[in-house]
Amino acid sequence: MVSEESPLLASTTHEAIYDRFAPDQKRWIVFIVSFAGLLPMFVSSTFVPSIPQIAKDIGSTHATVSLTVSLSILAAAVGSLVWAAYSSFYGRRSMYLWGMPFLCVGSCGVAMSTSLQSLLFWRFVQTFGCSGGIPLGAGVIGDIYKLDERGTAIGIFLGAALFGLAVAPFLGGAAAQYWSWRNLQYSIGAWGLLQMLLIYFSFPETSHPGTLGIGKLTRRRWIHITWVNPLSSLWLLRSPNLFAVMLVQSLVLISDYVLLVPMALTIGIRYGIVNEAIIGACFLPNGLGNFIGSPIAGRLSDTVVRRWREKRKGVWFPEDRLRVTWIGGLFMVPLSVGASGLITTYVGGTIGLSLNLLCLFMNGMGVDFVLSPISSYNVDVMHSRSAEATAANAAARSLIISAATALVIPSIERIGVAWTNIIAAILALIGQGIIFLTIRYGDRMRASVDVGFSTIENNS
C-alpha cells in the first residue's frame, strides 16, 4: 500500500525499466496508442448522425435503431474489461492484435446489414473489438513513463481520443448528408486494418519483464488459452479512492453529454440549424477544447506531483495529482455548462450561437482538466494493474453516464435547457467536493481497503 512514508528514490533496477525505450520510440508508441484510442470514439460518435438514414434503409424506426447506442455502451464496457484483464496475462500488444479483427469484421457486418437483428449483432462485435483502446493505452503509457512524466503522456493520449469524440459527429453527419453510412462503416473497417498492421510491424510489447501471467507458466502449449475473469477488474472499485475518482469523472462527463447529446434540439432549433453536417460542426469547439486542454492538464499534473514531493522533502502522496482538477471542476465546467443553458434560453441570433460555441470550447478544456489527472492517478496508484483499473473505471462510468444520458432530453422537455444545464453544473461541483475529501483523507481511504496499491519503489 502507498503511504506518506514512502521514500523518494526507487532502486536502480526499477529505474532501468523505464529506459528500455528511447525517447523517440516512446513518442511513436504514444502516437500508436492515441490512434487506437481515437478509434472507439469514432465508432461510437459517427453512428448517431447516421441513425435516420440507417432506419430508412433497413425499414425500421429511429427509436428502434437507437437501441444500438445502448448496446454499444454495453459492448464497450464488456470489451474494455475483457481486453484489460487479458492484457495482464498475454500482454498489451497481443490484445490490440486480437481486438482489431473483431472491429474489421464487425464494421463490414454493420455496413452489409439489412435487418435490425443483424445490425445489433454486428454493432456489438464492432464495438467490442475496439473497446480496448482506452484501458490498453493507459496501461502502455504507465509501462513506459515514470511517475512524474506519465501525466503529460496520458494528457496527449486522452486529448487525441476525446478530440475524436467531438470531430466524429461532424464527419458522421457529413457522411450521412453527402455520402453513405455503409461506406463510412467500410472506412472504419479499413482504419482498423491499417491500425492492426501498424501495431504488428512497429509496436513492441511494453509490459514490464516478468509481470505477464503467461511468462510465469512453467509448461504451456504452443497456443495457450487461459480463462481470465474479466469481471475481476470491477472488484478494484471496492477501494474508496478508485470509486470516488470514478464517480467524479462520471459527474463531470455528464456536463459534456448534456451539451452534446441534445445539440440538434437545443442549439439546432434555437438558432435555426437544420443541416446535419453543420450541426455536427458545432461539436468541433468542444473537441478543440479537449485537444488543447488534456495535454496542458497532464503536464500541469506532473509539475504538481514534482513540486509537492519537493515540498514534503521526497514524500510521495498520490492524491497531489488530483489538485489540478480544481481548475476544471470548480470553474470551467460549471460555468460553461450553466452559461450555455442560460445563453440558449435568453440570447438569440449570431451572438447567442457564438457564445454557445465558446462555452463548448471551455467545457471541452474543463472536462479534460478533470479527466486527465484522474486517469494518471489511476495508473499511479494501481501501476501493476493500470489497464484493469482504467477499464473498471470506464465500465462503471459508462453505466452511470448511459442512465444519465437517457434523462437529458426528457429533462429539457420538462424543465427546460437552462435548469437542466444548471443541474449538470451542480453535479460537477459535487464532484469537486468528493475530490477535496479524497485529497484530504486519501491515505486513510487507501489504508481502509488495500487493493494492491503501488509504492514509490515500484512506481517511480
Protein backbone atom coordinates (compact mmCIF):
# COMPACT_ATOMS: atom_id res chain seq x y z
CA MET A 1 0.00 0.00 0.00
CA VAL A 2 1.16 3.55 -0.70
CA SER A 3 1.86 5.62 2.37
CA GLU A 4 3.17 9.09 3.08
CA GLU A 5 6.32 7.50 4.45
CA SER A 6 7.27 6.02 1.06
CA PRO A 7 10.85 7.01 0.13
CA LEU A 8 11.61 9.21 -2.83
CA LEU A 9 14.10 7.12 -4.73
CA ALA A 10 13.40 3.71 -6.27
CA SER A 11 16.05 1.15 -6.97
CA THR A 12 18.36 1.49 -9.94
CA THR A 13 16.96 -1.74 -11.39
CA HIS A 14 13.44 -0.40 -11.36
CA GLU A 15 14.54 2.93 -12.86
CA ALA A 16 16.09 1.00 -15.77
CA ILE A 17 12.70 -0.47 -16.68
CA TYR A 18 11.61 2.93 -17.98
CA ASP A 19 14.78 3.32 -20.04
CA ARG A 20 14.07 0.26 -22.21
CA PHE A 21 12.73 2.52 -24.95
CA ALA A 22 14.42 5.58 -26.41
CA PRO A 23 12.53 8.92 -26.19
CA ASP A 24 11.70 8.85 -29.92
CA GLN A 25 10.40 5.31 -29.63
CA LYS A 26 8.25 6.31 -26.66
CA ARG A 27 6.72 9.13 -28.68
CA TRP A 28 5.95 6.70 -31.51
CA ILE A 29 4.30 4.32 -29.04
CA VAL A 30 2.17 7.18 -27.70
CA PHE A 31 1.17 8.05 -31.27
CA ILE A 32 0.06 4.47 -31.95
CA VAL A 33 -1.94 4.10 -28.74
CA SER A 34 -3.50 7.52 -29.32
CA PHE A 35 -4.51 6.35 -32.80
CA ALA A 36 -6.02 3.25 -31.19
CA GLY A 37 -7.78 5.34 -28.52
CA LEU A 38 -9.26 7.61 -31.16
CA LEU A 39 -10.93 4.71 -32.99
CA PRO A 40 -13.57 3.68 -30.39
CA MET A 41 -14.65 7.31 -30.14
CA PHE A 42 -15.12 7.40 -33.91
CA VAL A 43 -17.03 4.12 -33.89
CA SER A 44 -19.48 5.40 -31.28
CA SER A 45 -19.89 9.02 -32.36
CA THR A 46 -20.08 8.71 -36.16
CA PHE A 47 -23.01 6.32 -35.83
CA VAL A 48 -25.51 8.67 -34.15
CA PRO A 49 -25.91 11.17 -37.03
CA SER A 50 -26.46 8.22 -39.39
CA ILE A 51 -29.41 6.77 -37.45
CA PRO A 52 -32.18 8.38 -39.59
CA GLN A 53 -30.58 7.12 -42.81
CA ILE A 54 -29.98 3.66 -41.35
CA ALA A 55 -33.59 3.40 -40.12
CA LYS A 56 -34.83 4.25 -43.61
CA ASP A 57 -32.51 1.76 -45.33
CA ILE A 58 -33.38 -1.25 -43.13
CA GLY A 59 -37.08 -0.41 -42.84
CA SER A 60 -37.07 0.35 -39.12
CA THR A 61 -37.78 3.33 -36.88
CA HIS A 62 -35.47 5.97 -35.48
CA ALA A 63 -36.21 4.90 -31.88
CA THR A 64 -35.60 1.21 -32.60
CA VAL A 65 -32.27 1.79 -34.36
CA SER A 66 -31.28 4.00 -31.41
CA LEU A 67 -31.17 0.80 -29.34
CA THR A 68 -27.78 0.19 -30.95
CA VAL A 69 -26.42 3.14 -28.94
CA SER A 70 -27.29 1.46 -25.64
CA LEU A 71 -25.97 -1.85 -26.97
CA SER A 72 -22.70 -0.15 -27.93
CA ILE A 73 -22.29 1.19 -24.39
CA LEU A 74 -22.73 -2.36 -23.06
CA ALA A 75 -20.29 -3.76 -25.64
CA ALA A 76 -17.72 -1.08 -24.77
CA ALA A 77 -18.00 -1.85 -21.05
CA VAL A 78 -17.68 -5.62 -21.57
CA GLY A 79 -14.90 -5.27 -24.12
CA SER A 80 -12.77 -2.91 -22.06
CA LEU A 81 -12.91 -5.32 -19.11
CA VAL A 82 -12.02 -8.31 -21.29
CA TRP A 83 -9.09 -6.74 -23.11
CA ALA A 84 -7.68 -5.15 -19.94
CA ALA A 85 -7.90 -8.37 -17.90
CA TYR A 86 -6.27 -10.47 -20.61
CA SER A 87 -3.55 -7.86 -21.22
CA SER A 88 -2.20 -8.61 -17.74
CA PHE A 89 -1.80 -12.24 -18.81
CA TYR A 90 -0.88 -12.11 -22.52
CA GLY A 91 0.41 -8.53 -22.89
CA ARG A 92 -0.77 -5.24 -24.40
CA ARG A 93 0.39 -5.96 -27.95
CA SER A 94 -1.46 -9.27 -28.16
CA MET A 95 -4.73 -7.72 -27.03
CA TYR A 96 -4.52 -4.95 -29.62
CA LEU A 97 -3.93 -7.57 -32.32
CA TRP A 98 -6.77 -9.81 -31.09
CA GLY A 99 -9.23 -6.94 -30.93
CA MET A 100 -8.74 -5.46 -34.38
CA PRO A 101 -10.14 -8.45 -36.36
CA PHE A 102 -13.37 -8.14 -34.37
CA LEU A 103 -13.54 -4.47 -35.33
CA CYS A 104 -12.84 -5.08 -39.03
CA VAL A 105 -15.32 -7.93 -39.39
CA GLY A 106 -17.92 -6.11 -37.28
CA SER A 107 -17.61 -2.94 -39.36
CA CYS A 108 -18.16 -4.85 -42.59
CA GLY A 109 -21.08 -6.66 -40.96
CA VAL A 110 -22.68 -3.35 -39.95
CA ALA A 111 -22.19 -1.99 -43.47
CA MET A 112 -23.90 -5.01 -45.02
CA SER A 113 -26.78 -5.21 -42.51
CA THR A 114 -30.26 -5.34 -43.99
CA SER A 115 -32.22 -6.03 -40.80
CA LEU A 116 -32.30 -4.73 -37.25
CA GLN A 117 -31.17 -8.08 -35.85
CA SER A 118 -28.02 -8.23 -37.95
CA LEU A 119 -27.30 -4.56 -37.26
CA LEU A 120 -27.47 -5.11 -33.49
CA PHE A 121 -25.26 -8.21 -33.64
CA TRP A 122 -22.54 -6.72 -35.81
CA ARG A 123 -22.62 -3.42 -33.95
CA PHE A 124 -21.86 -5.31 -30.73
CA VAL A 125 -18.97 -7.16 -32.41
CA GLN A 126 -17.59 -3.92 -33.86
CA THR A 127 -17.68 -2.00 -30.60
CA PHE A 128 -16.35 -4.95 -28.59
CA GLY A 129 -13.33 -5.20 -30.88
CA CYS A 130 -12.12 -1.61 -30.48
CA SER A 131 -13.11 -1.03 -26.83
CA GLY A 132 -9.65 -1.87 -25.51
CA GLY A 133 -8.24 1.35 -26.95
CA ILE A 134 -8.52 3.47 -23.80
CA PRO A 135 -7.60 0.99 -21.00
CA LEU A 136 -4.78 -0.60 -23.01
CA GLY A 137 -3.43 2.82 -23.97
CA ALA A 138 -3.37 3.95 -20.33
CA GLY A 139 -1.62 0.71 -19.39
CA VAL A 140 1.00 1.15 -22.11
CA ILE A 141 1.79 4.70 -21.00
CA GLY A 142 2.11 3.51 -17.42
CA ASP A 143 4.54 0.84 -18.66
CA ILE A 144 6.94 3.24 -20.39
CA TYR A 145 6.81 6.52 -18.44
CA LYS A 146 7.89 7.25 -14.89
CA LEU A 147 5.59 8.72 -12.25
CA ASP A 148 6.38 12.38 -12.86
CA GLU A 149 6.32 12.02 -16.67
CA ARG A 150 3.22 9.97 -17.40
CA GLY A 151 0.70 12.74 -16.75
CA THR A 152 1.89 14.60 -19.85
CA ALA A 153 1.78 11.45 -21.99
CA ILE A 154 -1.68 10.46 -20.75
CA GLY A 155 -2.83 14.02 -21.40
CA ILE A 156 -1.73 13.77 -25.03
CA PHE A 157 -3.34 10.33 -25.34
CA LEU A 158 -6.69 11.42 -23.89
CA GLY A 159 -6.63 14.69 -25.83
CA ALA A 160 -6.40 12.77 -29.11
CA ALA A 161 -9.13 10.32 -28.07
CA LEU A 162 -11.56 12.96 -26.85
CA PHE A 163 -10.91 15.13 -29.89
CA GLY A 164 -12.25 12.22 -31.89
CA LEU A 165 -15.37 12.22 -29.73
CA ALA A 166 -16.15 15.74 -30.91
CA VAL A 167 -14.92 15.55 -34.52
CA ALA A 168 -16.66 12.25 -35.25
CA PRO A 169 -20.26 13.62 -35.18
CA PHE A 170 -19.29 16.20 -37.80
CA LEU A 171 -17.81 13.53 -40.06
CA GLY A 172 -20.71 11.19 -39.36
CA GLY A 173 -23.19 13.93 -40.17
CA ALA A 174 -21.35 14.85 -43.37
CA ALA A 175 -21.26 11.20 -44.42
CA ALA A 176 -24.97 10.82 -43.76
CA GLN A 177 -25.73 14.02 -45.67
CA TYR A 178 -23.41 13.70 -48.67
CA TRP A 179 -22.04 10.15 -48.85
CA SER A 180 -23.27 6.82 -47.43
CA TRP A 181 -23.41 5.41 -43.92
CA ARG A 182 -22.45 2.00 -45.34
CA ASN A 183 -19.29 3.39 -46.94
CA LEU A 184 -18.46 5.09 -43.66
CA GLN A 185 -18.58 1.71 -41.87
CA TYR A 186 -16.36 0.14 -44.53
CA SER A 187 -13.92 3.02 -43.98
CA ILE A 188 -13.83 2.29 -40.24
CA GLY A 189 -13.04 -1.35 -41.04
CA ALA A 190 -10.17 -0.23 -43.28
CA TRP A 191 -8.92 2.03 -40.48
CA GLY A 192 -8.91 -0.97 -38.15
CA LEU A 193 -6.89 -2.99 -40.67
CA LEU A 194 -4.34 -0.17 -41.02
CA GLN A 195 -4.07 0.08 -37.26
CA MET A 196 -3.54 -3.68 -36.93
CA LEU A 197 -0.70 -3.53 -39.47
CA LEU A 198 0.91 -0.60 -37.64
CA ILE A 199 0.81 -2.48 -34.35
CA TYR A 200 2.03 -5.74 -35.86
CA PHE A 201 5.06 -4.19 -37.58
CA SER A 202 6.09 -1.36 -35.24
CA PHE A 203 4.58 -1.79 -31.78
CA PRO A 204 6.65 -3.65 -29.14
CA GLU A 205 5.34 -5.36 -26.03
CA THR A 206 5.60 -2.74 -23.27
CA SER A 207 4.65 -4.77 -20.18
CA HIS A 208 7.43 -4.88 -17.60
CA PRO A 209 9.61 -8.01 -17.85
CA GLY A 210 8.41 -10.84 -15.65
CA THR A 211 4.96 -9.39 -14.96
CA LEU A 212 2.84 -11.23 -17.55
CA GLY A 213 0.92 -14.28 -16.42
CA ILE A 214 1.86 -16.35 -19.45
CA GLY A 215 5.54 -15.75 -18.76
CA LYS A 216 5.19 -17.30 -15.31
CA LEU A 217 3.89 -20.63 -16.62
CA THR A 218 6.39 -23.48 -16.37
CA ARG A 219 4.58 -25.51 -19.02
CA ARG A 220 2.42 -24.19 -21.81
CA ARG A 221 1.06 -25.23 -25.15
CA TRP A 222 2.02 -23.60 -28.47
CA ILE A 223 -1.41 -21.94 -28.47
CA HIS A 224 -2.17 -21.46 -24.80
CA ILE A 225 -5.67 -20.27 -23.94
CA THR A 226 -6.33 -19.44 -20.29
CA TRP A 227 -9.53 -18.26 -18.67
CA VAL A 228 -9.15 -14.85 -17.03
CA ASN A 229 -12.20 -13.46 -15.26
CA PRO A 230 -12.80 -10.02 -16.84
CA LEU A 231 -15.20 -9.02 -14.06
CA SER A 232 -12.41 -9.28 -11.50
CA SER A 233 -11.31 -5.78 -12.52
CA LEU A 234 -14.58 -4.35 -11.18
CA TRP A 235 -13.64 -5.58 -7.71
CA LEU A 236 -10.95 -2.88 -7.65
CA LEU A 237 -13.74 -0.32 -7.24
CA ARG A 238 -14.30 -1.53 -3.69
CA SER A 239 -11.43 0.85 -2.92
CA PRO A 240 -12.92 4.17 -1.71
CA ASN A 241 -10.25 6.06 -3.65
CA LEU A 242 -10.87 4.37 -7.00
CA PHE A 243 -14.64 4.51 -6.57
CA ALA A 244 -14.52 8.19 -5.62
CA VAL A 245 -12.50 9.30 -8.66
CA MET A 246 -14.68 7.17 -10.95
CA LEU A 247 -17.75 8.95 -9.59
CA VAL A 248 -16.10 12.35 -10.09
CA GLN A 249 -15.27 11.58 -13.73
CA SER A 250 -18.87 10.47 -14.27
CA LEU A 251 -20.34 13.62 -12.73
CA VAL A 252 -18.11 15.87 -14.84
CA LEU A 253 -18.70 13.94 -18.07
CA ILE A 254 -22.45 14.31 -17.61
CA SER A 255 -21.99 18.01 -18.41
CA ASP A 256 -20.40 17.03 -21.72
CA TYR A 257 -23.34 14.84 -22.65
CA VAL A 258 -25.87 17.45 -21.51
CA LEU A 259 -24.34 19.85 -24.02
CA LEU A 260 -23.64 17.45 -26.89
CA VAL A 261 -26.42 14.84 -26.95
CA PRO A 262 -29.35 17.26 -27.45
CA MET A 263 -27.38 19.59 -29.76
CA ALA A 264 -29.95 19.34 -32.57
CA LEU A 265 -32.80 20.10 -30.16
CA THR A 266 -31.10 22.94 -28.29
CA ILE A 267 -28.63 24.89 -30.40
CA GLY A 268 -30.03 23.48 -33.66
CA ILE A 269 -33.64 24.56 -33.09
CA ARG A 270 -32.81 27.75 -31.17
CA TYR A 271 -30.57 29.09 -33.95
CA GLY A 272 -32.31 27.54 -36.95
CA ILE A 273 -29.66 24.98 -37.92
CA VAL A 274 -31.16 22.00 -39.78
CA ASN A 275 -28.25 20.68 -41.85
CA GLU A 276 -26.78 17.57 -40.19
CA ALA A 277 -23.23 18.43 -41.23
CA ILE A 278 -23.46 21.95 -39.76
CA ILE A 279 -24.90 20.62 -36.51
CA GLY A 280 -22.01 18.16 -36.42
CA ALA A 281 -19.60 21.06 -36.93
CA CYS A 282 -20.91 22.63 -33.72
CA PHE A 283 -19.24 19.76 -31.86
CA LEU A 284 -15.81 20.92 -33.06
CA PRO A 285 -15.17 23.63 -30.42
CA ASN A 286 -15.67 21.03 -27.70
CA GLY A 287 -13.21 18.71 -29.42
CA LEU A 288 -10.70 21.54 -29.81
CA GLY A 289 -11.02 22.23 -26.09
CA ASN A 290 -10.33 18.54 -25.40
CA PHE A 291 -7.35 18.54 -27.73
CA ILE A 292 -5.79 21.61 -26.12
CA GLY A 293 -6.83 21.05 -22.51
CA SER A 294 -5.76 17.45 -21.98
CA PRO A 295 -2.01 17.85 -22.69
CA ILE A 296 -1.91 21.05 -20.62
CA ALA A 297 -3.68 19.37 -17.70
CA GLY A 298 -1.40 16.34 -17.96
CA ARG A 299 1.79 18.38 -17.94
CA LEU A 300 0.49 20.55 -15.11
CA SER A 301 -0.32 17.46 -13.03
CA ASP A 302 3.26 16.21 -13.47
CA THR A 303 4.53 19.60 -12.28
CA VAL A 304 2.24 19.49 -9.23
CA VAL A 305 3.45 15.98 -8.32
CA ARG A 306 7.09 17.06 -8.51
CA ARG A 307 6.58 20.27 -6.51
CA TRP A 308 4.63 18.61 -3.71
CA ARG A 309 7.26 15.86 -3.44
CA GLU A 310 9.93 18.53 -3.13
CA LYS A 311 7.80 20.40 -0.59
CA ARG A 312 7.48 17.24 1.51
CA LYS A 313 11.20 16.51 1.11
CA GLY A 314 10.71 13.47 -1.08
CA VAL A 315 7.48 12.03 0.32
CA TRP A 316 5.02 10.95 -2.39
CA PHE A 317 1.32 11.45 -1.80
CA PRO A 318 -0.59 10.15 -4.87
CA GLU A 319 -3.60 12.42 -4.36
CA ASP A 320 -1.46 15.50 -5.04
CA ARG A 321 -2.11 14.94 -8.75
CA LEU A 322 -5.82 15.50 -8.17
CA ARG A 323 -5.27 19.13 -7.17
CA VAL A 324 -5.16 20.08 -10.86
CA THR A 325 -8.82 19.05 -11.26
CA TRP A 326 -9.95 22.14 -9.34
CA ILE A 327 -9.29 24.32 -12.40
CA GLY A 328 -11.81 22.45 -14.48
CA GLY A 329 -14.22 21.06 -11.90
CA LEU A 330 -14.68 24.19 -9.80
CA PHE A 331 -14.64 26.82 -12.54
CA MET A 332 -14.52 25.88 -16.22
CA VAL A 333 -17.07 23.05 -16.31
CA PRO A 334 -19.81 24.53 -14.05
CA LEU A 335 -19.51 27.99 -15.59
CA SER A 336 -19.54 26.74 -19.19
CA VAL A 337 -22.46 24.33 -18.90
CA GLY A 338 -24.53 26.72 -16.76
CA ALA A 339 -23.83 29.67 -19.04
CA SER A 340 -24.70 27.65 -22.15
CA GLY A 341 -28.14 26.85 -20.76
CA LEU A 342 -28.85 30.49 -19.94
CA ILE A 343 -27.49 31.74 -23.27
CA THR A 344 -29.55 29.22 -25.25
CA THR A 345 -32.67 30.27 -23.35
CA TYR A 346 -32.26 34.03 -23.38
CA VAL A 347 -29.78 35.08 -26.11
CA GLY A 348 -30.68 34.61 -29.78
CA GLY A 349 -29.03 35.30 -33.10
CA THR A 350 -25.38 35.16 -34.03
CA ILE A 351 -24.27 36.44 -30.62
CA GLY A 352 -26.05 33.61 -28.83
CA LEU A 353 -24.63 30.98 -31.17
CA SER A 354 -21.09 32.39 -30.86
CA LEU A 355 -21.28 32.44 -27.06
CA ASN A 356 -22.55 28.86 -27.05
CA LEU A 357 -19.61 27.74 -29.18
CA LEU A 358 -17.28 29.47 -26.71
CA CYS A 359 -18.97 27.59 -23.85
CA LEU A 360 -18.48 24.31 -25.72
CA PHE A 361 -14.77 25.07 -26.08
CA MET A 362 -14.44 25.96 -22.39
CA ASN A 363 -16.34 22.83 -21.39
CA GLY A 364 -14.03 20.65 -23.50
CA MET A 365 -10.99 22.12 -21.78
CA GLY A 366 -12.57 21.95 -18.32
CA VAL A 367 -13.64 18.32 -18.61
CA ASP A 368 -10.11 17.33 -19.59
CA PHE A 369 -8.68 19.21 -16.61
CA VAL A 370 -10.60 16.65 -14.55
CA LEU A 371 -10.32 13.50 -16.69
CA SER A 372 -6.60 13.68 -17.46
CA PRO A 373 -5.24 13.98 -13.87
CA ILE A 374 -7.67 11.31 -12.63
CA SER A 375 -6.63 8.92 -15.40
CA SER A 376 -2.99 9.43 -14.44
CA TYR A 377 -3.90 8.97 -10.78
CA ASN A 378 -5.47 5.58 -11.54
CA VAL A 379 -2.25 4.49 -13.23
CA ASP A 380 -0.16 5.89 -10.35
CA VAL A 381 -1.93 4.04 -7.56
CA MET A 382 -2.58 0.79 -9.49
CA HIS A 383 0.54 0.63 -11.61
CA SER A 384 0.73 -3.16 -11.84
CA ARG A 385 -2.95 -3.34 -12.88
CA SER A 386 -3.28 0.03 -14.58
CA ALA A 387 -5.20 -1.23 -17.63
CA GLU A 388 -7.64 -3.12 -15.39
CA ALA A 389 -8.18 -0.10 -13.12
CA THR A 390 -8.82 2.09 -16.17
CA ALA A 391 -11.23 -0.48 -17.63
CA ALA A 392 -13.15 -0.85 -14.35
CA ASN A 393 -13.41 2.93 -14.14
CA ALA A 394 -14.64 3.17 -17.74
CA ALA A 395 -17.15 0.33 -17.39
CA ALA A 396 -18.77 1.70 -14.24
CA ARG A 397 -18.69 5.19 -15.65
CA SER A 398 -20.43 4.03 -18.83
CA LEU A 399 -23.33 2.62 -16.85
CA ILE A 400 -23.78 5.86 -14.90
CA ILE A 401 -23.50 8.06 -17.99
CA SER A 402 -25.83 5.91 -20.08
CA ALA A 403 -28.51 6.21 -17.38
CA ALA A 404 -27.94 9.96 -17.05
CA THR A 405 -27.92 10.48 -20.82
CA ALA A 406 -31.33 8.83 -21.12
CA LEU A 407 -32.71 11.56 -18.83
CA VAL A 408 -31.21 14.55 -20.67
CA ILE A 409 -33.83 15.08 -23.40
CA PRO A 410 -36.83 14.33 -21.10
CA SER A 411 -35.38 16.82 -18.61
CA ILE A 412 -35.00 19.51 -21.29
CA GLU A 413 -38.59 18.91 -22.41
CA ARG A 414 -39.90 19.07 -18.85
CA ILE A 415 -37.89 21.81 -17.09
CA GLY A 416 -36.04 23.50 -19.97
CA VAL A 417 -32.46 23.84 -21.16
CA ALA A 418 -31.38 26.35 -18.50
CA TRP A 419 -32.40 24.28 -15.46
CA THR A 420 -31.10 21.03 -16.97
CA ASN A 421 -27.71 22.64 -17.52
CA ILE A 422 -27.68 24.19 -14.05
CA ILE A 423 -28.28 20.73 -12.54
CA ALA A 424 -25.32 19.42 -14.56
CA ALA A 425 -23.19 22.30 -13.21
CA ILE A 426 -24.18 21.43 -9.63
CA LEU A 427 -23.25 17.78 -10.20
CA ALA A 428 -19.79 18.87 -11.37
CA LEU A 429 -19.37 20.94 -8.18
CA ILE A 430 -20.41 17.94 -6.07
CA GLY A 431 -17.67 16.01 -7.84
CA GLN A 432 -15.11 18.55 -6.71
CA GLY A 433 -16.35 18.17 -3.16
CA ILE A 434 -15.53 14.46 -3.48
CA ILE A 435 -12.08 15.38 -4.84
CA PHE A 436 -11.45 17.64 -1.84
CA LEU A 437 -12.27 14.80 0.56
CA THR A 438 -10.13 12.35 -1.42
CA ILE A 439 -7.11 14.67 -1.28
CA ARG A 440 -7.61 15.34 2.42
CA TYR A 441 -8.21 11.76 3.52
CA GLY A 442 -6.58 9.82 0.69
CA ASP A 443 -4.07 7.97 2.86
CA ARG A 444 -6.79 6.80 5.28
CA MET A 445 -9.05 5.77 2.41
CA ARG A 446 -6.26 3.68 0.87
CA ALA A 447 -5.48 2.11 4.23
CA SER A 448 -9.14 1.14 4.76
CA VAL A 449 -9.27 -1.09 1.65
CA ASP A 450 -5.95 -2.10 0.11
CA VAL A 451 -6.46 -3.47 -3.42
CA GLY A 452 -2.74 -3.77 -4.13
CA PHE A 453 -1.77 -0.12 -4.33
CA SER A 454 1.59 0.82 -5.79
CA THR A 455 4.51 2.10 -3.78
CA ILE A 456 7.18 4.57 -4.79
CA GLU A 457 9.65 1.67 -5.08
CA ASN A 458 7.73 0.05 -7.95
CA ASN A 459 6.18 3.17 -9.45
CA SER A 460 8.83 5.84 -9.73
